[in-house]
Amino acid sequence: MASRLFGEFYKEEILTFGKLKEKELIGSICPGETELVQDLFGWKVIFGKHQIDCDSELEARFVRVFTELGWRSVQVPQDENYLAKILPELEANKQRADELYKKREKTIFSRKLRQEVKMKFYRKISKTLAEYQASKPKSKLSKSVQAAN
């Protein structure tokens, strides 16, 4: 499985899917700070005082990824089988991104600067490849990214 920017994954795997429903998210970058809780009526993604209601555990896991990336809203596929199919790649990419950020985070001592770096990092990986190239027109893509296209 090749790693993709989250925006690219979203554009290719989610927005091309037929039946979607929109979920409003928190819009705050919070890697590892969410909790999934099952209750009588379904599942909830909880972050601080906020909670997002979900119909299933798969939907809650999907929503958690984009909540932790700081997205304000997300389109969620209605098909549970499709969610089960795409979740492993999505969660693996998110885990890899979190690990990369945590390695860098340890070298930043200022809390304010650490927060700023975290926001920039998660926003950057949430872009599509086209958005990333447009923001950095002079930068060259790595050979592995070029080969993937």
C-alpha atoms as a PDB file:
ATOM      1  CA  MET A   1       0.000   0.000   0.000  1.00  0.00           C
ATOM      2  CA  ALA A   2       1.458   3.306  -1.050  1.00  0.00           C
ATOM      3  CA  SER A   3       1.239   6.284   1.262  1.00  0.00           C
ATOM      4  CA  ARG A   4      -0.857   9.174  -0.030  1.00  0.00           C
ATOM      5  CA  LEU A   5      -1.538  12.648   1.234  1.00  0.00           C
ATOM      6  CA  PHE A   6      -4.886  12.618   3.072  1.00  0.00           C
ATOM      7  CA  GLY A   7      -6.417  15.105   0.665  1.00  0.00           C
ATOM      8  CA  GLU A   8      -5.470  12.873  -2.258  1.00  0.00           C
ATOM      9  CA  PHE A   9      -6.896   9.792  -0.512  1.00  0.00           C
ATOM     10  CA  TYR A  10     -10.092  11.711   0.262  1.00  0.00           C
ATOM     11  CA  LYS A  11     -10.456  12.965  -3.306  1.00  0.00           C
ATOM     12  CA  GLU A  12      -9.815   9.545  -4.880  1.00  0.00           C
ATOM     13  CA  GLU A  13     -11.479   7.158  -2.422  1.00  0.00           C
ATOM     14  CA  ILE A  14     -14.252   9.160  -0.752  1.00  0.00           C
ATOM     15  CA  LEU A  15     -15.507  11.879  -3.079  1.00  0.00           C
ATOM     16  CA  THR A  16     -15.776   9.403  -5.961  1.00  0.00           C
ATOM     17  CA  PHE A  17     -17.978   7.098  -3.891  1.00  0.00           C
ATOM     18  CA  GLY A  18     -21.716   7.361  -4.533  1.00  0.00           C
ATOM     19  CA  LYS A  19     -23.646   7.554  -1.273  1.00  0.00           C
ATOM     20  CA  LEU A  20     -22.112  10.021   1.207  1.00  0.00           C
ATOM     21  CA  LYS A  21     -23.262  11.971   4.234  1.00  0.00           C
ATOM     22  CA  GLU A  22     -21.575  15.039   5.645  1.00  0.00           C
ATOM     23  CA  LYS A  23     -20.325  15.222   9.231  1.00  0.00           C
ATOM     24  CA  GLU A  24     -19.389  18.488  10.894  1.00  0.00           C
ATOM     25  CA  LEU A  25     -16.126  18.138  12.804  1.00  0.00           C
ATOM     26  CA  ILE A  26     -14.321  20.134  15.452  1.00  0.00           C
ATOM     27  CA  GLY A  27     -11.702  21.800  13.237  1.00  0.00           C
ATOM     28  CA  SER A  28      -8.996  21.480  15.892  1.00  0.00           C
ATOM     29  CA  ILE A  29      -5.858  19.430  15.293  1.00  0.00           C
ATOM     30  CA  CYS A  30      -5.787  16.840  18.071  1.00  0.00           C
ATOM     31  CA  PRO A  31      -3.721  13.749  17.200  1.00  0.00           C
ATOM     32  CA  GLY A  32      -4.221  11.001  19.760  1.00  0.00           C
ATOM     33  CA  GLU A  33      -6.575  13.127  21.862  1.00  0.00           C
ATOM     34  CA  THR A  34      -9.884  11.620  20.783  1.00  0.00           C
ATOM     35  CA  GLU A  35     -11.786   8.776  22.342  1.00  0.00           C
ATOM     36  CA  LEU A  36     -14.299   6.378  20.795  1.00  0.00           C
ATOM     37  CA  VAL A  37     -17.218   5.486  23.060  1.00  0.00           C
ATOM     38  CA  GLN A  38     -20.144   3.188  22.395  1.00  0.00           C
ATOM     39  CA  ASP A  39     -23.483   4.125  23.911  1.00  0.00           C
ATOM     40  CA  LEU A  40     -27.074   2.972  23.603  1.00  0.00           C
ATOM     41  CA  PHE A  41     -27.663   4.835  20.317  1.00  0.00           C
ATOM     42  CA  GLY A  42     -24.375   4.220  18.470  1.00  0.00           C
ATOM     43  CA  TRP A  43     -20.829   5.503  18.747  1.00  0.00           C
ATOM     44  CA  LYS A  44     -19.320   8.849  19.682  1.00  0.00           C
ATOM     45  CA  VAL A  45     -16.002  10.466  18.874  1.00  0.00           C
ATOM     46  CA  ILE A  46     -15.130  12.561  21.918  1.00  0.00           C
ATOM     47  CA  PHE A  47     -12.555  15.343  22.075  1.00  0.00           C
ATOM     48  CA  GLY A  48     -12.553  17.479  25.206  1.00  0.00           C
ATOM     49  CA  LYS A  49     -16.087  18.854  25.612  1.00  0.00           C
ATOM     50  CA  HIS A  50     -17.009  18.041  22.001  1.00  0.00           C
ATOM     51  CA  GLN A  51     -18.632  14.893  20.717  1.00  0.00           C
ATOM     52  CA  ILE A  52     -19.598  13.687  17.267  1.00  0.00           C
ATOM     53  CA  ASP A  53     -22.357  11.077  16.996  1.00  0.00           C
ATOM     54  CA  CYS A  54     -21.777   8.171  14.617  1.00  0.00           C
ATOM     55  CA  ASP A  55     -23.946   5.251  13.548  1.00  0.00           C
ATOM     56  CA  SER A  56     -21.258   2.560  13.776  1.00  0.00           C
ATOM     57  CA  GLU A  57     -17.766   1.855  15.044  1.00  0.00           C
ATOM     58  CA  LEU A  58     -16.418   1.970  11.477  1.00  0.00           C
ATOM     59  CA  GLU A  59     -17.929   5.402  10.915  1.00  0.00           C
ATOM     60  CA  ALA A  60     -16.531   6.595  14.260  1.00  0.00           C
ATOM     61  CA  ARG A  61     -13.031   5.350  13.365  1.00  0.00           C
ATOM     62  CA  PHE A  62     -13.269   7.106   9.985  1.00  0.00           C
ATOM     63  CA  VAL A  63     -14.457  10.356  11.571  1.00  0.00           C
ATOM     64  CA  ARG A  64     -11.747  10.160  14.258  1.00  0.00           C
ATOM     65  CA  VAL A  65      -8.967  10.247  11.628  1.00  0.00           C
ATOM     66  CA  PHE A  66     -10.254  13.440  10.040  1.00  0.00           C
ATOM     67  CA  THR A  67     -11.100  14.981  13.414  1.00  0.00           C
ATOM     68  CA  GLU A  68      -7.511  14.480  14.566  1.00  0.00           C
ATOM     69  CA  LEU A  69      -6.240  16.012  11.312  1.00  0.00           C
ATOM     70  CA  GLY A  70      -8.207  19.173  12.106  1.00  0.00           C
ATOM     71  CA  TRP A  71     -10.759  19.009   9.297  1.00  0.00           C
ATOM     72  CA  ARG A  72     -13.942  21.045   9.766  1.00  0.00           C
ATOM     73  CA  SER A  73     -16.212  18.626   7.900  1.00  0.00           C
ATOM     74  CA  VAL A  74     -15.962  15.322   6.076  1.00  0.00           C
ATOM     75  CA  GLN A  75     -18.086  13.274   3.695  1.00  0.00           C
ATOM     76  CA  VAL A  76     -18.620   9.765   5.093  1.00  0.00           C
ATOM     77  CA  PRO A  77     -19.414   6.786   2.849  1.00  0.00           C
ATOM     78  CA  GLN A  78     -22.730   5.190   3.858  1.00  0.00           C
ATOM     79  CA  ASP A  79     -21.617   1.671   2.885  1.00  0.00           C
ATOM     80  CA  GLU A  80     -20.129  -0.195   5.879  1.00  0.00           C
ATOM     81  CA  ASN A  81     -18.353  -2.686   3.605  1.00  0.00           C
ATOM     82  CA  TYR A  82     -16.628   0.153   1.757  1.00  0.00           C
ATOM     83  CA  LEU A  83     -15.622   1.782   5.046  1.00  0.00           C
ATOM     84  CA  ALA A  84     -14.155  -1.539   6.204  1.00  0.00           C
ATOM     85  CA  LYS A  85     -12.197  -1.760   2.952  1.00  0.00           C
ATOM     86  CA  ILE A  86     -10.631   1.743   3.085  1.00  0.00           C
ATOM     87  CA  LEU A  87     -10.107   2.127   6.840  1.00  0.00           C
ATOM     88  CA  PRO A  88      -6.902   0.047   7.117  1.00  0.00           C
ATOM     89  CA  GLU A  89      -5.019   2.287   4.647  1.00  0.00           C
ATOM     90  CA  LEU A  90      -6.463   5.458   6.157  1.00  0.00           C
ATOM     91  CA  GLU A  91      -5.598   4.489   9.737  1.00  0.00           C
ATOM     92  CA  ALA A  92      -2.135   3.192   8.757  1.00  0.00           C
ATOM     93  CA  ASN A  93      -1.331   6.491   7.021  1.00  0.00           C
ATOM     94  CA  LYS A  94      -2.586   8.433  10.036  1.00  0.00           C
ATOM     95  CA  GLN A  95      -0.500   6.339  12.425  1.00  0.00           C
ATOM     96  CA  ARG A  96       2.581   6.842  10.256  1.00  0.00           C
ATOM     97  CA  ALA A  97       1.965  10.605  10.145  1.00  0.00           C
ATOM     98  CA  ASP A  98       1.569  10.728  13.939  1.00  0.00           C
ATOM     99  CA  GLU A  99       4.836   8.824  14.398  1.00  0.00           C
ATOM    100  CA  LEU A 100       6.679  11.193  12.054  1.00  0.00           C
ATOM    101  CA  TYR A 101       5.313  14.216  13.886  1.00  0.00           C
ATOM    102  CA  LYS A 102       6.162  12.797  17.329  1.00  0.00           C
ATOM    103  CA  LYS A 103       9.809  12.318  16.269  1.00  0.00           C
ATOM    104  CA  ARG A 104      10.026  15.985  15.275  1.00  0.00           C
ATOM    105  CA  GLU A 105       8.027  17.232  18.238  1.00  0.00           C
ATOM    106  CA  LYS A 106      10.674  16.074  20.723  1.00  0.00           C
ATOM    107  CA  THR A 107      13.193  18.521  19.260  1.00  0.00           C
ATOM    108  CA  ILE A 108      10.970  21.604  19.758  1.00  0.00           C
ATOM    109  CA  PHE A 109      11.076  23.007  23.271  1.00  0.00           C
ATOM    110  CA  SER A 110       8.757  26.012  22.908  1.00  0.00           C
ATOM    111  CA  ARG A 111       5.078  25.071  23.405  1.00  0.00           C
ATOM    112  CA  LYS A 112       3.930  27.856  21.111  1.00  0.00           C
ATOM    113  CA  LEU A 113       6.317  26.828  18.337  1.00  0.00           C
ATOM    114  CA  ARG A 114       5.419  23.142  18.833  1.00  0.00           C
ATOM    115  CA  GLN A 115       1.711  23.998  18.355  1.00  0.00           C
ATOM    116  CA  GLU A 116       2.500  26.015  15.220  1.00  0.00           C
ATOM    117  CA  VAL A 117       4.608  23.194  13.746  1.00  0.00           C
ATOM    118  CA  LYS A 118       1.865  20.662  14.539  1.00  0.00           C
ATOM    119  CA  MET A 119      -0.760  22.759  12.738  1.00  0.00           C
ATOM    120  CA  LYS A 120       1.437  23.240   9.664  1.00  0.00           C
ATOM    121  CA  PHE A 121       2.409  19.559   9.538  1.00  0.00           C
ATOM    122  CA  TYR A 122      -1.157  18.215   9.684  1.00  0.00           C
ATOM    123  CA  ARG A 123      -2.461  20.840   7.262  1.00  0.00           C
ATOM    124  CA  LYS A 124       0.294  19.987   4.796  1.00  0.00           C
ATOM    125  CA  ILE A 125      -0.456  16.245   4.829  1.00  0.00           C
ATOM    126  CA  SER A 126      -4.180  16.988   4.440  1.00  0.00           C
ATOM    127  CA  LYS A 127      -3.653  18.594   1.033  1.00  0.00           C
ATOM    128  CA  THR A 128      -4.041  16.936  -2.326  1.00  0.00           C
ATOM    129  CA  LEU A 129      -0.929  16.482  -4.428  1.00  0.00           C
ATOM    130  CA  ALA A 130      -2.057  19.291  -6.764  1.00  0.00           C
ATOM    131  CA  GLU A 131      -2.565  21.685  -3.822  1.00  0.00           C
ATOM    132  CA  TYR A 132       0.856  20.753  -2.447  1.00  0.00           C
ATOM    133  CA  GLN A 133       2.541  21.343  -5.812  1.00  0.00           C
ATOM    134  CA  ALA A 134       0.737  24.676  -6.244  1.00  0.00           C
ATOM    135  CA  SER A 135       1.972  25.869  -2.839  1.00  0.00           C
ATOM    136  CA  LYS A 136       5.564  24.799  -3.623  1.00  0.00           C
ATOM    137  CA  PRO A 137       5.947  25.250  -7.410  1.00  0.00           C
ATOM    138  CA  LYS A 138       9.760  25.168  -7.325  1.00  0.00           C
ATOM    139  CA  SER A 139      10.078  21.989  -5.274  1.00  0.00           C
ATOM    140  CA  LYS A 140      10.646  18.734  -7.091  1.00  0.00           C
ATOM    141  CA  LEU A 141       8.735  15.587  -6.232  1.00  0.00           C
ATOM    142  CA  SER A 142      10.682  12.652  -4.903  1.00  0.00           C
ATOM    143  CA  LYS A 143      11.185   9.761  -7.335  1.00  0.00           C
ATOM    144  CA  SER A 144       8.796   7.560  -5.324  1.00  0.00           C
ATOM    145  CA  VAL A 145       6.017  10.178  -5.571  1.00  0.00           C
ATOM    146  CA  GLN A 146       6.692  10.655  -9.295  1.00  0.00           C
ATOM    147  CA  ALA A 147       6.510   6.882  -9.819  1.00  0.00           C
ATOM    148  CA  ALA A 148       3.158   6.716  -7.979  1.00  0.00           C
ATOM    149  CA  ASN A 149       1.625   9.245 -10.405  1.00  0.00           C
END
